[in-house]
Amino acid sequence: MPYGIRIKGEKIKKRQQKVHLCQRLFKFAAPIKIKIKKMKKILVLLLCVLLALPGEAKRISVCDATFVHPWSGKRVAYFGDSITDPNNKGSKKKYWNYLQELLGITPYVYGVSGRQWNDIPRQARQLKSEHGDQFDAILIFIGTNDFNAAVPIGHWYNETEDSVVAAVHKPKSVVLRRKRTPSMDKDTYRGRINIALSTIKKMFPTKQVVLLTPIHRAYFYSGNSNIQPTEQYQNACGEYFDAYVQSVKEAGNIWAMPVIDLNSVSGLYPLFDESAIYYHTLDTDRLHPNDAGHWRIAKTLYYQLATLPCDFSFQSKK
């Protein structure tokens, strides 16, 4: 065969191989292309749904079929101090007012200005006398006044040595071991928390109880007999504010109660002028949130509470 004809034949053969390879690739890629188109359509649809979702639960339409906020339409008791007290002048509306608007919650409000953890048992008894068990959950938002009043932190437990029957891979016997019981010291912060939460656990054993950590605090002035420095300073017993915040977090584990760390997740930080826009006044009250501050607390709680059940109604499935 002449050299030129042989070269031309090889070129034709290579071209045919390329065409065959392209045909195979197209046959393989065609369904992938269709899948990509479908995926694009699905992503566009999801994006449209996300953009259409409103911030308020009562207006939800598209997501009703997939998600209903567990606290929507519930009856919730609020225990606390001035930040919860409806009579406090720091704002026109409180966080629980906004939760009522967002979720249709019926609020039972017991917070009173100036109160400390030792007032929580009284608030619980008042709830019991007014509503019995006809409510769904309790939110406890308190602690900042304990810091200001220099209530000592104290300790969680009292330890003693006691005998107990035990058996670990051998016959049972009476052994001597260390034993701890919750401290019920009404003059310490942790003792007060123990008294309050043990009271609630016994009074409302089936109810959801959520602890909220105290939010950051800065300068407050209400006359020459009520001047509160920023949290940068220790209180009169030598404790910093974060020790009181940390104790509420620890209480969640001790008493099996969920904790929402508003001190962190609310983003409220009045120590800077730029951030103090969420508080009552820049010059004299960086302790009480204003309407915008309470709205921020409410929006934070809206999303945090979405991860928690509000009630534990149980129906046996046969």
Protein backbone atom coordinates (compact mmCIF):
# COMPACT_ATOMS: atom_id res chain seq x y z
CA MET A 1 0.00 0.00 0.00
CA PRO A 2 1.38 3.45 -0.91
CA TYR A 3 2.55 5.45 2.10
CA GLY A 4 0.11 8.37 1.51
CA ILE A 5 -2.94 6.09 1.36
CA ARG A 6 -1.85 4.31 4.52
CA ILE A 7 -1.54 7.63 6.44
CA LYS A 8 -4.97 8.74 5.23
CA GLY A 9 -6.49 5.41 6.37
CA GLU A 10 -4.99 5.80 9.84
CA LYS A 11 -6.45 9.33 10.11
CA ILE A 12 -9.90 8.07 9.14
CA LYS A 13 -9.60 5.28 11.71
CA LYS A 14 -8.56 7.71 14.45
CA ARG A 15 -11.45 10.02 13.53
CA GLN A 16 -13.89 7.10 13.73
CA GLN A 17 -12.49 6.18 17.16
CA LYS A 18 -12.99 9.77 18.37
CA VAL A 19 -16.56 9.79 17.06
CA HIS A 20 -17.24 6.46 18.79
CA LEU A 21 -15.75 7.78 22.05
CA CYS A 22 -17.86 10.96 21.84
CA GLN A 23 -20.98 8.89 21.26
CA ARG A 24 -20.24 6.81 24.34
CA LEU A 25 -19.55 9.92 26.44
CA PHE A 26 -22.78 11.57 25.25
CA LYS A 27 -24.73 8.42 26.07
CA PHE A 28 -23.23 8.43 29.57
CA ALA A 29 -23.56 12.19 30.15
CA ALA A 30 -27.12 12.61 28.87
CA PRO A 31 -28.85 11.34 32.04
CA ILE A 32 -26.39 13.35 34.18
CA LYS A 33 -27.32 16.48 32.23
CA ILE A 34 -30.99 15.77 32.85
CA LYS A 35 -30.30 15.25 36.57
CA ILE A 36 -28.37 18.53 36.75
CA LYS A 37 -31.32 20.33 35.13
CA LYS A 38 -33.66 18.76 37.65
CA MET A 39 -31.35 19.70 40.52
CA LYS A 40 -31.22 23.28 39.29
CA LYS A 41 -35.01 23.43 39.21
CA ILE A 42 -35.23 21.99 42.74
CA LEU A 43 -32.64 24.45 44.07
CA VAL A 44 -34.42 27.40 42.47
CA LEU A 45 -37.72 26.22 43.98
CA LEU A 46 -36.16 25.84 47.45
CA LEU A 47 -34.62 29.30 47.17
CA CYS A 48 -37.99 30.79 46.29
CA VAL A 49 -39.57 29.07 49.31
CA LEU A 50 -36.83 30.33 51.64
CA LEU A 51 -37.18 33.88 50.35
CA ALA A 52 -40.92 33.70 50.80
CA LEU A 53 -40.79 32.52 54.43
CA PRO A 54 -41.83 35.32 56.84
CA GLY A 55 -40.39 35.95 60.29
CA GLU A 56 -43.65 35.53 62.16
CA ALA A 57 -45.10 32.12 62.91
CA LYS A 58 -48.69 33.32 62.62
CA ARG A 59 -48.10 34.20 58.97
CA ILE A 60 -46.44 30.95 57.98
CA SER A 61 -48.19 29.28 55.05
CA VAL A 62 -45.68 27.35 52.93
CA CYS A 63 -43.89 25.73 55.89
CA ASP A 64 -47.02 24.78 57.81
CA ALA A 65 -46.90 21.37 56.16
CA THR A 66 -43.34 20.69 57.36
CA PHE A 67 -42.74 22.71 60.53
CA VAL A 68 -44.89 24.13 63.30
CA HIS A 69 -43.05 25.98 66.06
CA PRO A 70 -43.37 23.83 69.21
CA TRP A 71 -44.17 26.89 71.34
CA SER A 72 -46.85 28.29 69.04
CA GLY A 73 -50.12 28.95 70.86
CA LYS A 74 -48.80 27.68 74.21
CA ARG A 75 -49.33 29.03 77.73
CA VAL A 76 -46.02 30.12 79.25
CA ALA A 77 -45.17 31.46 82.71
CA TYR A 78 -42.35 34.00 82.99
CA PHE A 79 -40.41 34.29 86.27
CA GLY A 80 -37.82 37.02 86.79
CA ASP A 81 -36.93 40.56 87.76
CA SER A 82 -37.26 44.05 86.21
CA ILE A 83 -36.39 42.85 82.70
CA THR A 84 -39.53 40.70 82.83
CA ASP A 85 -41.67 43.03 85.00
CA PRO A 86 -44.42 44.65 82.87
CA ASN A 87 -44.26 47.76 85.11
CA ASN A 88 -40.60 48.49 84.40
CA LYS A 89 -40.18 51.74 82.42
CA GLY A 90 -37.10 50.71 80.48
CA SER A 91 -39.22 49.70 77.50
CA LYS A 92 -42.81 49.87 76.30
CA LYS A 93 -42.83 46.20 75.40
CA LYS A 94 -41.02 43.25 76.92
CA TYR A 95 -39.57 40.17 75.23
CA TRP A 96 -42.62 38.15 76.28
CA ASN A 97 -44.91 40.69 74.56
CA TYR A 98 -43.01 40.10 71.33
CA LEU A 99 -43.13 36.31 71.79
CA GLN A 100 -46.87 36.68 72.20
CA GLU A 101 -47.00 38.46 68.83
CA LEU A 102 -44.60 36.07 67.11
CA LEU A 103 -45.98 32.80 68.43
CA GLY A 104 -49.41 33.49 69.87
CA ILE A 105 -48.17 32.53 73.35
CA THR A 106 -50.45 33.28 76.29
CA PRO A 107 -48.13 34.89 78.88
CA TYR A 108 -48.45 34.49 82.65
CA VAL A 109 -45.99 37.07 83.96
CA TYR A 110 -44.64 37.01 87.53
CA GLY A 111 -41.36 38.95 87.27
CA VAL A 112 -40.92 41.83 89.74
CA SER A 113 -38.28 44.57 89.66
CA GLY A 114 -35.38 44.13 92.04
CA ARG A 115 -36.10 40.49 92.83
CA GLN A 116 -33.42 37.84 93.23
CA TRP A 117 -33.33 34.05 92.99
CA ASN A 118 -34.80 33.74 96.48
CA ASP A 119 -38.09 35.14 95.09
CA ILE A 120 -38.58 32.34 92.54
CA PRO A 121 -40.36 29.96 94.97
CA ARG A 122 -42.89 32.73 95.71
CA GLN A 123 -43.47 33.29 91.98
CA ALA A 124 -43.94 29.54 91.53
CA ARG A 125 -46.50 29.39 94.35
CA GLN A 126 -48.39 32.31 92.82
CA LEU A 127 -48.50 30.53 89.45
CA LYS A 128 -49.77 27.39 91.18
CA SER A 129 -52.51 29.26 93.04
CA GLU A 130 -53.70 31.15 89.93
CA HIS A 131 -53.39 28.50 87.21
CA GLY A 132 -52.76 25.16 88.89
CA ASP A 133 -51.28 22.90 86.19
CA GLN A 134 -53.14 24.63 83.36
CA PHE A 135 -50.08 25.93 81.57
CA ASP A 136 -47.34 24.44 79.40
CA ALA A 137 -43.91 25.78 80.39
CA ILE A 138 -41.88 28.14 82.57
CA LEU A 139 -39.04 30.49 81.57
CA ILE A 140 -36.79 31.75 84.40
CA PHE A 141 -34.78 34.91 83.67
CA ILE A 142 -33.11 36.21 86.84
CA GLY A 143 -29.74 36.67 88.57
CA THR A 144 -28.48 40.16 87.82
CA ASN A 145 -29.77 41.56 91.15
CA ASP A 146 -28.04 38.78 93.10
CA PHE A 147 -24.77 40.04 91.61
CA ASN A 148 -25.57 43.65 92.46
CA ALA A 149 -26.55 42.69 96.03
CA ALA A 150 -23.25 40.80 96.40
CA VAL A 151 -24.88 37.50 97.30
CA PRO A 152 -21.99 35.04 97.86
CA ILE A 153 -21.73 32.34 95.18
CA GLY A 154 -21.52 29.49 97.69
CA HIS A 155 -21.39 25.83 96.65
CA TRP A 156 -23.78 23.35 95.04
CA TYR A 157 -23.45 20.44 97.46
CA ASN A 158 -22.86 19.52 101.07
CA GLU A 159 -20.71 16.41 101.46
CA THR A 160 -20.92 13.88 104.28
CA GLU A 161 -19.71 10.34 104.91
CA ASP A 162 -22.43 7.72 105.03
CA SER A 163 -22.92 3.96 104.90
CA VAL A 164 -24.70 2.37 101.95
CA VAL A 165 -25.37 -1.17 100.69
CA ALA A 166 -23.48 -1.94 97.47
CA ALA A 167 -22.45 -4.97 95.40
CA VAL A 168 -20.02 -4.90 92.48
CA HIS A 169 -19.31 -8.43 91.19
CA LYS A 170 -19.37 -9.78 94.75
CA PRO A 171 -21.91 -10.32 97.53
CA LYS A 172 -23.59 -7.19 98.83
CA SER A 173 -22.18 -5.46 101.87
CA VAL A 174 -22.44 -2.21 103.79
CA VAL A 175 -19.70 0.20 102.75
CA LEU A 176 -18.70 3.69 103.82
CA ARG A 177 -18.74 6.31 101.06
CA ARG A 178 -18.80 10.05 100.53
CA LYS A 179 -22.31 11.39 99.84
CA ARG A 180 -23.41 14.76 98.55
CA THR A 181 -26.77 16.52 98.82
CA PRO A 182 -27.78 19.87 97.30
CA SER A 183 -26.93 22.86 99.45
CA MET A 184 -30.09 24.70 100.56
CA ASP A 185 -28.33 27.74 101.96
CA LYS A 186 -30.70 30.68 101.41
CA ASP A 187 -27.83 33.13 101.88
CA THR A 188 -25.79 31.95 98.88
CA TYR A 189 -26.49 32.21 95.16
CA ARG A 190 -26.17 28.50 94.42
CA GLY A 191 -28.13 27.61 97.54
CA ARG A 192 -30.95 29.90 96.39
CA ILE A 193 -30.94 28.31 92.94
CA ASN A 194 -31.12 24.85 94.52
CA ILE A 195 -34.04 25.88 96.72
CA ALA A 196 -35.89 27.43 93.76
CA LEU A 197 -35.38 24.61 91.27
CA SER A 198 -36.05 21.82 93.75
CA THR A 199 -39.31 23.61 94.61
CA ILE A 200 -40.29 23.81 90.95
CA LYS A 201 -39.26 20.21 90.24
CA LYS A 202 -41.56 19.01 93.00
CA MET A 203 -44.39 21.46 92.29
CA PHE A 204 -44.43 20.99 88.49
CA PRO A 205 -42.72 17.64 87.77
CA THR A 206 -44.14 17.25 84.24
CA LYS A 207 -43.58 20.80 82.97
CA GLN A 208 -40.87 22.16 80.71
CA VAL A 209 -38.67 24.63 82.62
CA VAL A 210 -36.07 26.66 80.73
CA LEU A 211 -33.32 28.72 82.38
CA LEU A 212 -32.10 31.96 80.76
CA THR A 213 -28.70 33.34 81.73
CA PRO A 214 -28.58 37.02 82.79
CA ILE A 215 -27.59 39.37 79.96
CA HIS A 216 -24.54 41.67 80.10
CA ARG A 217 -24.90 44.77 82.24
CA ALA A 218 -23.23 48.19 82.37
CA TYR A 219 -23.67 51.48 84.27
CA PHE A 220 -26.99 52.20 86.00
CA TYR A 221 -27.92 55.33 87.95
CA SER A 222 -31.22 55.91 89.72
CA GLY A 223 -30.31 58.46 92.36
CA ASN A 224 -27.45 58.74 94.82
CA SER A 225 -28.60 55.64 96.72
CA ASN A 226 -28.72 53.37 93.65
CA ILE A 227 -25.57 53.54 91.55
CA GLN A 228 -24.49 50.28 89.91
CA PRO A 229 -21.06 50.10 88.21
CA THR A 230 -20.47 48.13 85.03
CA GLU A 231 -19.80 44.40 85.12
CA GLN A 232 -16.11 45.20 84.64
CA TYR A 233 -15.95 45.69 88.41
CA GLN A 234 -16.25 43.05 91.09
CA ASN A 235 -19.24 43.30 93.41
CA ALA A 236 -18.96 43.93 97.14
CA CYS A 237 -18.17 40.25 97.88
CA GLY A 238 -15.36 40.14 95.33
CA GLU A 239 -17.13 38.25 92.53
CA TYR A 240 -17.31 39.15 88.85
CA PHE A 241 -20.64 39.00 87.02
CA ASP A 242 -19.67 35.99 84.89
CA ALA A 243 -19.57 33.79 88.03
CA TYR A 244 -23.34 34.34 88.38
CA VAL A 245 -23.90 33.63 84.70
CA GLN A 246 -21.81 30.45 84.87
CA SER A 247 -23.79 29.21 87.88
CA VAL A 248 -27.04 29.34 85.91
CA LYS A 249 -25.41 27.25 83.17
CA GLU A 250 -24.26 24.69 85.73
CA ALA A 251 -27.72 24.62 87.31
CA GLY A 252 -29.09 23.25 84.04
CA ASN A 253 -27.01 20.09 84.43
CA ILE A 254 -27.61 19.77 88.15
CA TRP A 255 -31.40 20.02 87.86
CA ALA A 256 -31.92 18.60 84.34
CA MET A 257 -33.25 21.81 82.82
CA PRO A 258 -32.33 23.25 79.42
CA VAL A 259 -30.40 26.52 79.45
CA ILE A 260 -30.55 29.26 76.82
CA ASP A 261 -27.40 31.33 77.23
CA LEU A 262 -28.80 34.80 76.50
CA ASN A 263 -25.62 36.31 77.93
CA SER A 264 -23.95 34.99 74.80
CA VAL A 265 -26.47 34.36 72.03
CA SER A 266 -28.53 37.56 72.44
CA GLY A 267 -25.56 39.65 71.31
CA LEU A 268 -26.45 42.41 73.82
CA TYR A 269 -23.28 44.14 75.04
CA PRO A 270 -23.87 47.55 76.67
CA LEU A 271 -20.27 48.15 77.67
CA PHE A 272 -19.60 49.79 74.31
CA ASP A 273 -21.42 52.99 73.31
CA GLU A 274 -22.03 51.54 69.86
CA SER A 275 -23.82 48.50 71.33
CA ALA A 276 -25.71 50.39 74.03
CA ILE A 277 -28.35 51.42 71.49
CA TYR A 278 -30.31 48.39 72.71
CA TYR A 279 -30.57 49.76 76.26
CA HIS A 280 -32.86 52.29 77.93
CA THR A 281 -30.52 55.30 78.04
CA LEU A 282 -26.87 55.73 77.13
CA ASP A 283 -26.00 57.88 80.15
CA THR A 284 -27.95 56.42 83.10
CA ASP A 285 -29.43 53.00 82.24
CA ARG A 286 -27.43 50.35 80.48
CA LEU A 287 -29.06 47.68 82.62
CA HIS A 288 -32.56 47.48 81.12
CA PRO A 289 -33.06 46.78 77.41
CA ASN A 290 -35.27 49.15 75.42
CA ASP A 291 -37.88 48.03 72.89
CA ALA A 292 -35.19 47.16 70.32
CA GLY A 293 -33.28 45.19 72.96
CA HIS A 294 -36.36 43.24 73.98
CA TRP A 295 -37.13 42.54 70.32
CA ARG A 296 -33.63 41.14 69.92
CA ILE A 297 -34.11 38.92 72.98
CA ALA A 298 -37.48 37.75 71.63
CA LYS A 299 -36.10 36.91 68.18
CA THR A 300 -33.24 35.00 69.80
CA LEU A 301 -35.67 33.05 71.99
CA TYR A 302 -37.92 32.41 68.98
CA TYR A 303 -35.19 30.39 67.28
CA GLN A 304 -33.66 28.87 70.43
CA LEU A 305 -37.03 27.62 71.68
CA ALA A 306 -37.70 26.01 68.30
CA THR A 307 -35.24 23.28 69.34
CA LEU A 308 -37.08 22.47 72.58
CA PRO A 309 -40.45 20.85 73.26
CA CYS A 310 -42.86 23.10 75.14
CA ASP A 311 -44.92 20.33 76.67
CA PHE A 312 -44.57 16.59 77.14
CA SER A 313 -48.09 15.37 76.50
CA PHE A 314 -47.85 11.61 76.24
CA GLN A 315 -50.25 9.35 74.40
CA SER A 316 -49.50 5.65 74.52
CA LYS A 317 -49.28 4.06 71.07
CA LYS A 318 -50.85 0.61 71.10
